[in-house]
Amino acid sequence: MGFVGSSDVIVCGAGVIGCAVARELALRGASVTVVERGSPGQEASGAAAGMLTAGAYAVPGEPLAELCRESAALYPALVDALRAETGVDPHYSRCGSLRLAASAEDAAAMEDLARRQERAGWAVERVDGVRAADLAGAELRLPEGPMLSFPEEAVIDARELIRGLRVSAERRGARFVTGTPVTALRIESAVCTGVRTPGEDLAAGAVVDAAGSWAGLAGAAGFSVPIAPARGQIVELDSGSSRPARVLHRDHFYLAPREHGRLLAGSTIEFVGYEKVVTAAAVANLLRRAIELVPALAGSRFVGAWAGLRPAAPDGLPVLGATPLPGYFLAAGGFRNGVLMAPAVARRLSQAVLDENQTAVPGPFSMARFVRENEPVSAPNSALQREMRLGKIAER
């Protein structure tokens, strides 16, 4: 088996992060090959609700919150560029969001969050029931006490976003190889020099692993990447005039408006391996919660439901940047924030790959947090599940 072609960088995975990284690398003049096991956006990215909601649960100063806010600020210019370059409209809408309390304890946590965000200069507003209903544009079953409004939050069509990113990357010379799984890294003299596929080896100066729940190709290099699939299920409704105009959050449940009167209700977090199926129990629960929040949705038309496998690290944070294997970089563990963080990850990771600027990727996201004394750390998802039960990790 010989090498076929040669690129500056190979990107494994054509989800939203893989496509964004490929585009950014190509913008910086690199030759790029993207290798995708299926078709672009067919996994977690294409199943995402497309919420760009960095504020509803984000604590100022925390690394993930800051990365997500940085990325959210990049979206308006990115969307304008994609429309101009490709003609693809990702349907970006700065609709704002509302967070409603689920309990007295939750209301206290929201008040603390609002104070922290105000001190940091973030856009957050306390609103009463009348104002909340006015902002939502729908009859809401409201809790007692104040609610929080985040006027700068937005939504986007993730599938159209991925299509725009791919077309833009291709127009700058990126090559997409689809229907081709990467089976292993090619390692020579303890350096990553490309990837292996069932039919051929592909050579590159660097490899970026953005393969979502299938990330983690470095077993032969003596360390493991602790990524596990977390199934999420979403329901789509045609709600017409009863559709809320804003994203609604309550107790880690959301309703997200889409164009043409559609509405997404989601979502679940289930550690069931690679079982990407829709279950009756999840659909029933999501519909129940949607109707509890907006009673008029009981008359909505059920459009469909789907499931996706989101890549989760044990601590719920992304795994980004260089690894113990020279030439092998990670853009993994987007979990529920993959769409939101894609522009910032693409920019920072491209700097790390091409400029060898390792400070471009914040230390808390480094692979180093899972490696102690050069020994691999096991990757159970029990820690993440425990954090979710305690409500310490926000769902988006």
Protein backbone atom coordinates (compact mmCIF):
# COMPACT_ATOMS: atom_id res chain seq x y z
CA MET A 1 0.00 0.00 0.00
CA GLY A 2 1.49 3.34 -1.00
CA PHE A 3 0.70 6.94 -0.34
CA VAL A 4 -1.95 8.65 -2.47
CA GLY A 5 -1.49 12.38 -2.80
CA SER A 6 -0.06 14.59 -0.11
CA SER A 7 -1.57 17.45 1.89
CA ASP A 8 -0.34 19.91 4.44
CA VAL A 9 -3.16 18.79 6.75
CA ILE A 10 -5.63 15.93 6.82
CA VAL A 11 -8.85 16.57 8.74
CA CYS A 12 -10.65 13.43 9.92
CA GLY A 13 -14.39 14.09 10.05
CA ALA A 14 -16.68 16.43 8.10
CA GLY A 15 -19.03 17.58 10.83
CA VAL A 16 -19.37 21.26 11.63
CA ILE A 17 -16.01 21.45 13.42
CA GLY A 18 -14.18 19.43 10.77
CA CYS A 19 -15.60 21.57 7.96
CA ALA A 20 -14.88 24.80 9.86
CA VAL A 21 -11.29 23.71 10.53
CA ALA A 22 -10.81 22.73 6.87
CA ARG A 23 -12.10 26.10 5.70
CA GLU A 24 -9.93 28.03 8.14
CA LEU A 25 -6.81 26.05 7.19
CA ALA A 26 -7.51 26.63 3.50
CA LEU A 27 -8.03 30.35 4.15
CA ARG A 28 -4.54 30.37 5.65
CA GLY A 29 -3.09 28.83 2.52
CA ALA A 30 -2.77 25.19 3.60
CA SER A 31 -3.58 22.30 1.30
CA VAL A 32 -6.27 20.26 3.05
CA THR A 33 -7.86 16.84 2.63
CA VAL A 34 -10.97 16.01 4.64
CA VAL A 35 -11.69 12.31 5.14
CA GLU A 36 -15.23 11.42 6.22
CA ARG A 37 -16.54 7.95 7.02
CA GLY A 38 -20.01 8.78 5.70
CA SER A 39 -21.29 12.07 4.29
CA PRO A 40 -20.65 15.57 5.67
CA GLY A 41 -22.86 16.48 8.60
CA GLN A 42 -24.61 13.12 8.85
CA GLU A 43 -23.83 12.60 12.54
CA ALA A 44 -24.10 14.88 15.59
CA SER A 45 -23.67 18.16 13.73
CA GLY A 46 -26.52 17.52 11.31
CA ALA A 47 -28.75 16.40 14.18
CA ALA A 48 -28.07 19.50 16.28
CA ALA A 49 -30.69 22.11 17.09
CA GLY A 50 -28.26 24.86 16.06
CA MET A 51 -28.58 26.97 19.19
CA LEU A 52 -25.90 29.63 19.61
CA THR A 53 -26.83 30.22 23.23
CA ALA A 54 -23.67 30.98 25.14
CA GLY A 55 -25.31 32.76 28.05
CA ALA A 56 -28.24 30.84 29.50
CA TYR A 57 -26.06 28.66 31.74
CA ALA A 58 -22.58 30.12 31.23
CA VAL A 59 -20.56 31.42 34.17
CA PRO A 60 -18.19 34.28 33.25
CA GLY A 61 -14.54 33.35 33.57
CA GLU A 62 -15.03 29.63 33.06
CA PRO A 63 -12.97 28.45 30.06
CA LEU A 64 -15.86 26.86 28.18
CA ALA A 65 -18.09 29.90 28.68
CA GLU A 66 -15.39 32.22 27.38
CA LEU A 67 -14.68 30.02 24.34
CA CYS A 68 -18.37 29.83 23.49
CA ARG A 69 -18.84 33.59 23.79
CA GLU A 70 -15.80 34.20 21.63
CA SER A 71 -17.21 31.84 19.03
CA ALA A 72 -20.73 33.30 19.14
CA ALA A 73 -19.25 36.72 18.36
CA LEU A 74 -17.63 35.32 15.20
CA TYR A 75 -20.88 34.04 13.73
CA PRO A 76 -22.36 37.18 12.12
CA ALA A 77 -19.26 37.78 10.00
CA LEU A 78 -18.95 34.08 9.18
CA VAL A 79 -22.55 33.84 8.02
CA ASP A 80 -22.18 36.96 5.87
CA ALA A 81 -19.03 35.52 4.31
CA LEU A 82 -20.66 32.16 3.56
CA ARG A 83 -23.66 33.81 1.93
CA ALA A 84 -21.39 35.97 -0.25
CA GLU A 85 -18.95 33.18 -1.13
CA THR A 86 -21.30 30.27 -1.68
CA GLY A 87 -24.89 31.48 -1.90
CA VAL A 88 -25.76 29.16 0.98
CA ASP A 89 -27.93 30.76 3.67
CA PRO A 90 -27.46 29.15 7.10
CA HIS A 91 -30.57 30.97 8.42
CA TYR A 92 -28.80 32.74 11.26
CA SER A 93 -31.28 34.54 13.52
CA ARG A 94 -30.46 36.59 16.60
CA CYS A 95 -33.78 35.76 18.22
CA GLY A 96 -32.65 35.92 21.85
CA SER A 97 -33.44 33.40 24.56
CA LEU A 98 -35.29 33.15 27.85
CA ARG A 99 -34.42 31.00 30.85
CA LEU A 100 -37.31 30.11 33.12
CA ALA A 101 -36.79 28.76 36.62
CA ALA A 102 -37.76 25.18 37.37
CA SER A 103 -37.72 25.52 41.16
CA ALA A 104 -36.91 27.94 43.96
CA GLU A 105 -33.37 26.55 44.03
CA ASP A 106 -33.05 27.10 40.29
CA ALA A 107 -34.34 30.66 40.65
CA ALA A 108 -31.63 31.38 43.24
CA ALA A 109 -28.98 29.94 40.92
CA MET A 110 -30.29 32.12 38.10
CA GLU A 111 -30.08 35.24 40.26
CA ASP A 112 -26.47 34.40 41.11
CA LEU A 113 -25.73 33.82 37.41
CA ALA A 114 -27.31 37.15 36.46
CA ARG A 115 -25.19 39.02 38.99
CA ARG A 116 -22.01 37.40 37.70
CA GLN A 117 -22.88 38.13 34.09
CA GLU A 118 -23.77 41.74 34.87
CA ARG A 119 -20.42 42.23 36.57
CA ALA A 120 -18.71 40.82 33.49
CA GLY A 121 -20.65 43.15 31.18
CA TRP A 122 -22.70 40.42 29.50
CA ALA A 123 -26.13 41.16 28.05
CA VAL A 124 -28.65 39.76 30.54
CA GLU A 125 -31.99 41.15 31.74
CA ARG A 126 -34.37 40.12 34.50
CA VAL A 127 -37.94 40.06 33.24
CA ASP A 128 -41.36 39.40 34.76
CA GLY A 129 -44.08 37.16 33.34
CA VAL A 130 -45.70 39.86 31.22
CA ARG A 131 -42.40 40.85 29.65
CA ALA A 132 -41.39 37.21 29.16
CA ALA A 133 -44.62 36.40 27.32
CA ASP A 134 -44.19 39.52 25.20
CA LEU A 135 -40.62 38.56 24.26
CA ALA A 136 -41.58 34.97 23.55
CA GLY A 137 -44.57 35.96 21.46
CA ALA A 138 -46.51 33.03 22.89
CA GLU A 139 -48.63 32.05 25.86
CA LEU A 140 -46.26 30.53 28.39
CA ARG A 141 -46.92 28.55 31.55
CA LEU A 142 -44.67 30.69 33.69
CA PRO A 143 -43.02 29.96 37.03
CA GLU A 144 -43.20 32.35 39.92
CA GLY A 145 -40.36 34.82 40.28
CA PRO A 146 -38.09 36.52 37.75
CA MET A 147 -36.87 35.07 34.50
CA LEU A 148 -33.71 35.88 32.55
CA SER A 149 -33.59 37.27 29.04
CA PHE A 150 -30.48 36.96 26.87
CA PRO A 151 -31.13 39.25 23.88
CA GLU A 152 -27.96 38.44 21.95
CA GLU A 153 -28.51 34.67 21.69
CA ALA A 154 -29.09 33.19 18.24
CA VAL A 155 -30.04 30.08 16.29
CA ILE A 156 -28.73 28.69 13.01
CA ASP A 157 -29.56 25.85 10.64
CA ALA A 158 -26.67 23.48 11.34
CA ARG A 159 -27.12 21.47 8.15
CA GLU A 160 -27.01 24.53 5.92
CA LEU A 161 -24.06 25.86 7.93
CA ILE A 162 -22.11 22.66 7.26
CA ARG A 163 -23.00 22.83 3.56
CA GLY A 164 -21.78 26.42 3.37
CA LEU A 165 -18.54 25.63 5.19
CA ARG A 166 -17.85 22.68 2.90
CA VAL A 167 -18.49 24.62 -0.30
CA SER A 168 -16.33 27.49 0.94
CA ALA A 169 -13.51 25.11 1.86
CA GLU A 170 -13.71 23.35 -1.50
CA ARG A 171 -13.56 26.65 -3.38
CA ARG A 172 -10.30 27.32 -1.59
CA GLY A 173 -8.85 24.01 -2.66
CA ALA A 174 -9.84 21.63 0.14
CA ARG A 175 -10.50 18.08 -1.06
CA PHE A 176 -13.27 15.98 0.53
CA VAL A 177 -12.99 12.19 0.52
CA THR A 178 -16.34 10.77 1.66
CA GLY A 179 -17.58 7.29 2.40
CA THR A 180 -14.07 6.45 3.61
CA PRO A 181 -13.32 5.58 7.25
CA VAL A 182 -9.93 6.36 8.73
CA THR A 183 -8.73 3.09 10.25
CA ALA A 184 -5.47 4.25 11.84
CA LEU A 185 -2.83 6.93 11.93
CA ARG A 186 0.32 6.41 9.92
CA ILE A 187 3.26 6.83 12.28
CA GLU A 188 6.90 7.01 11.24
CA SER A 189 9.77 7.59 13.67
CA ALA A 190 7.26 8.48 16.40
CA VAL A 191 5.68 11.23 14.24
CA CYS A 192 2.22 11.22 12.65
CA THR A 193 2.66 11.41 8.89
CA GLY A 194 -0.87 10.73 7.66
CA VAL A 195 -3.75 8.28 7.94
CA ARG A 196 -4.66 4.81 6.80
CA THR A 197 -7.95 3.98 5.10
CA PRO A 198 -9.23 0.63 3.81
CA GLY A 199 -7.95 1.34 0.33
CA GLU A 200 -4.93 3.59 0.68
CA ASP A 201 -2.64 5.65 2.86
CA LEU A 202 -2.93 9.43 2.73
CA ALA A 203 0.14 11.51 3.54
CA ALA A 204 0.15 14.82 5.39
CA GLY A 205 2.32 17.08 7.46
CA ALA A 206 -0.31 17.07 10.23
CA VAL A 207 -3.57 15.30 11.08
CA VAL A 208 -6.54 16.93 12.85
CA ASP A 209 -8.91 14.44 14.44
CA ALA A 210 -12.40 15.96 14.29
CA ALA A 211 -14.24 12.66 13.97
CA GLY A 212 -16.82 13.33 16.68
CA SER A 213 -17.82 10.24 18.62
CA TRP A 214 -15.37 8.26 16.50
CA ALA A 215 -12.39 10.44 17.46
CA GLY A 216 -9.40 8.77 19.01
CA LEU A 217 -7.10 7.17 16.47
CA ALA A 218 -3.94 7.21 18.54
CA GLY A 219 -4.03 3.80 20.20
CA ALA A 220 -0.84 2.74 18.46
CA ALA A 221 0.90 5.82 19.85
CA GLY A 222 0.46 4.62 23.43
CA PHE A 223 -2.35 6.88 24.67
CA SER A 224 -6.11 6.99 24.33
CA VAL A 225 -8.51 9.84 23.64
CA PRO A 226 -11.37 9.59 26.16
CA ILE A 227 -14.38 10.33 23.98
CA ALA A 228 -17.72 8.55 24.41
CA PRO A 229 -20.98 8.94 22.43
CA ALA A 230 -23.88 10.62 24.24
CA ARG A 231 -27.16 10.08 22.43
CA GLY A 232 -29.47 13.05 22.10
CA GLN A 233 -33.02 12.94 20.76
CA ILE A 234 -34.95 15.88 19.32
CA VAL A 235 -38.57 16.36 18.29
CA GLU A 236 -39.67 18.72 15.53
CA LEU A 237 -43.11 20.35 15.53
CA ASP A 238 -44.95 22.55 13.07
CA SER A 239 -46.36 25.01 15.57
CA GLY A 240 -47.46 27.85 13.28
CA SER A 241 -48.45 30.98 15.16
CA SER A 242 -48.04 29.28 18.54
CA ARG A 243 -44.30 28.94 18.03
CA PRO A 244 -42.26 30.95 20.55
CA ALA A 245 -40.12 33.61 18.91
CA ARG A 246 -37.22 33.02 21.31
CA VAL A 247 -35.29 30.01 22.49
CA LEU A 248 -36.80 28.87 25.81
CA HIS A 249 -34.71 27.08 28.46
CA ARG A 250 -36.10 25.38 31.52
CA ASP A 251 -34.41 22.73 33.65
CA HIS A 252 -32.03 21.71 30.83
CA PHE A 253 -34.93 21.39 28.38
CA TYR A 254 -35.25 23.75 25.44
CA LEU A 255 -37.59 24.87 22.70
CA ALA A 256 -35.78 26.37 19.71
CA PRO A 257 -37.58 28.22 16.89
CA ARG A 258 -36.79 27.37 13.28
CA GLU A 259 -37.88 29.02 10.07
CA HIS A 260 -41.34 28.44 8.53
CA GLY A 261 -43.13 27.96 11.86
CA ARG A 262 -41.11 24.93 12.89
CA LEU A 263 -39.96 24.30 16.46
CA LEU A 264 -37.41 21.91 17.96
CA ALA A 265 -37.88 20.37 21.41
CA GLY A 266 -34.87 18.76 23.03
CA SER A 267 -32.99 17.05 24.13
CA THR A 268 -31.88 13.92 25.94
CA ILE A 269 -28.47 12.77 27.17
CA GLU A 270 -28.17 8.99 27.12
CA PHE A 271 -25.01 6.91 27.38
CA VAL A 272 -26.07 3.90 25.33
CA GLY A 273 -23.01 3.39 23.18
CA TYR A 274 -23.44 3.79 19.42
CA GLU A 275 -27.17 3.01 19.42
CA LYS A 276 -28.54 5.91 17.36
CA VAL A 277 -32.27 5.25 17.56
CA VAL A 278 -35.33 7.27 18.47
CA THR A 279 -37.28 5.90 21.43
CA ALA A 280 -40.96 6.29 22.27
CA ALA A 281 -40.17 7.21 25.87
CA ALA A 282 -37.91 10.11 24.87
CA VAL A 283 -40.37 11.46 22.31
CA ALA A 284 -43.23 11.28 24.82
CA ASN A 285 -41.16 13.07 27.48
CA LEU A 286 -40.06 15.84 25.13
CA LEU A 287 -43.61 16.41 23.91
CA ARG A 288 -44.92 16.49 27.48
CA ARG A 289 -42.36 19.09 28.52
CA ALA A 290 -43.01 21.21 25.42
CA ILE A 291 -46.76 21.32 26.10
CA GLU A 292 -46.20 22.04 29.80
CA LEU A 293 -44.14 25.08 28.84
CA VAL A 294 -46.29 26.30 25.92
CA PRO A 295 -49.79 24.76 26.27
CA ALA A 296 -50.84 25.82 22.76
CA LEU A 297 -48.30 23.36 21.34
CA ALA A 298 -50.78 20.57 22.09
CA GLY A 299 -52.36 21.43 18.75
CA SER A 300 -49.10 21.41 16.81
CA ARG A 301 -48.42 19.01 13.97
CA PHE A 302 -45.80 16.39 14.78
CA VAL A 303 -43.16 16.59 12.02
CA GLY A 304 -40.64 14.03 13.18
CA ALA A 305 -37.89 13.06 15.60
CA TRP A 306 -34.27 12.05 15.28
CA ALA A 307 -31.24 11.07 17.32
CA GLY A 308 -27.57 12.00 17.18
CA LEU A 309 -24.43 10.81 18.96
CA ARG A 310 -22.60 13.74 20.55
CA PRO A 311 -18.92 13.29 21.45
CA ALA A 312 -18.35 13.72 25.19
CA ALA A 313 -15.17 13.77 27.24
CA PRO A 314 -15.42 12.66 30.91
CA ASP A 315 -15.48 16.27 32.17
CA GLY A 316 -17.79 17.62 29.45
CA LEU A 317 -15.11 19.94 28.03
CA PRO A 318 -13.68 19.81 24.51
CA VAL A 319 -10.32 18.15 23.84
CA LEU A 320 -8.31 20.45 21.60
CA GLY A 321 -4.81 21.00 20.29
CA ALA A 322 -1.58 19.07 20.25
CA THR A 323 -1.18 15.54 21.62
CA PRO A 324 1.77 13.46 22.84
CA LEU A 325 2.18 12.31 19.21
CA PRO A 326 3.83 15.05 17.11
CA GLY A 327 1.79 15.94 14.07
CA TYR A 328 -1.50 14.68 15.55
CA PHE A 329 -4.00 17.27 16.78
CA LEU A 330 -7.45 16.98 18.33
CA ALA A 331 -10.66 18.90 17.71
CA ALA A 332 -12.82 16.55 19.74
CA GLY A 333 -15.40 16.49 22.52
CA GLY A 334 -17.73 19.22 21.29
CA PHE A 335 -20.56 17.52 23.20
CA ARG A 336 -23.57 19.87 23.19
CA ASN A 337 -21.57 22.91 22.09
CA GLY A 338 -20.05 21.69 18.83
CA VAL A 339 -21.99 24.02 16.53
CA LEU A 340 -21.58 26.98 18.86
CA MET A 341 -17.82 26.63 19.33
CA ALA A 342 -16.92 25.70 15.74
CA PRO A 343 -15.67 29.11 14.49
CA ALA A 344 -13.44 29.74 17.51
CA VAL A 345 -12.11 26.18 17.53
CA ALA A 346 -11.32 26.43 13.83
CA ARG A 347 -9.42 29.68 14.29
CA ARG A 348 -7.46 28.59 17.35
CA LEU A 349 -6.68 25.10 16.14
CA SER A 350 -5.48 26.35 12.77
CA GLN A 351 -3.08 28.65 14.57
CA ALA A 352 -1.81 25.73 16.63
CA VAL A 353 -1.35 23.49 13.58
CA LEU A 354 0.16 25.96 11.12
CA ASP A 355 1.92 28.42 13.41
CA GLU A 356 2.85 25.88 16.07
CA ASN A 357 1.33 28.34 18.55
CA GLN A 358 0.24 26.00 21.30
CA THR A 359 -0.98 28.89 23.44
CA ALA A 360 -3.76 29.40 20.87
CA VAL A 361 -5.63 26.55 22.56
CA PRO A 362 -6.49 27.21 26.24
CA GLY A 363 -4.79 24.80 28.64
CA PRO A 364 -8.02 23.49 30.24
CA PHE A 365 -8.92 21.91 26.88
CA SER A 366 -5.59 20.16 26.36
CA MET A 367 -5.23 16.40 26.04
CA ALA A 368 -2.67 16.71 28.84
CA ARG A 369 -5.42 16.73 31.45
CA PHE A 370 -6.06 13.04 30.71
CA VAL A 371 -2.42 11.94 30.73
CA ARG A 372 -0.47 11.50 33.95
CA GLU A 373 3.19 10.55 33.89
CA ASN A 374 2.82 9.47 30.28
CA GLU A 375 0.20 6.89 31.22
CA PRO A 376 -3.21 6.91 29.54
CA VAL A 377 -6.22 7.68 31.69
CA SER A 378 -9.28 5.48 31.26
CA ALA A 379 -12.29 7.08 29.62
CA PRO A 380 -15.40 6.06 31.51
CA ASN A 381 -18.37 8.36 31.11
CA SER A 382 -19.54 7.88 34.69
CA ALA A 383 -17.95 11.14 35.81
CA LEU A 384 -19.81 13.09 33.15
CA GLN A 385 -23.08 11.37 33.99
CA ARG A 386 -22.57 12.19 37.65
CA GLU A 387 -21.98 15.86 36.82
CA MET A 388 -25.12 15.92 34.68
CA ARG A 389 -27.19 14.48 37.51
CA LEU A 390 -25.88 17.19 39.80
CA GLY A 391 -26.78 19.83 37.25
CA LYS A 392 -23.21 21.10 36.97
CA ILE A 393 -22.95 20.81 33.21
CA ALA A 394 -25.30 22.93 31.15
CA GLU A 395 -27.15 21.30 28.27
CA ARG A 396 -27.35 23.18 24.98
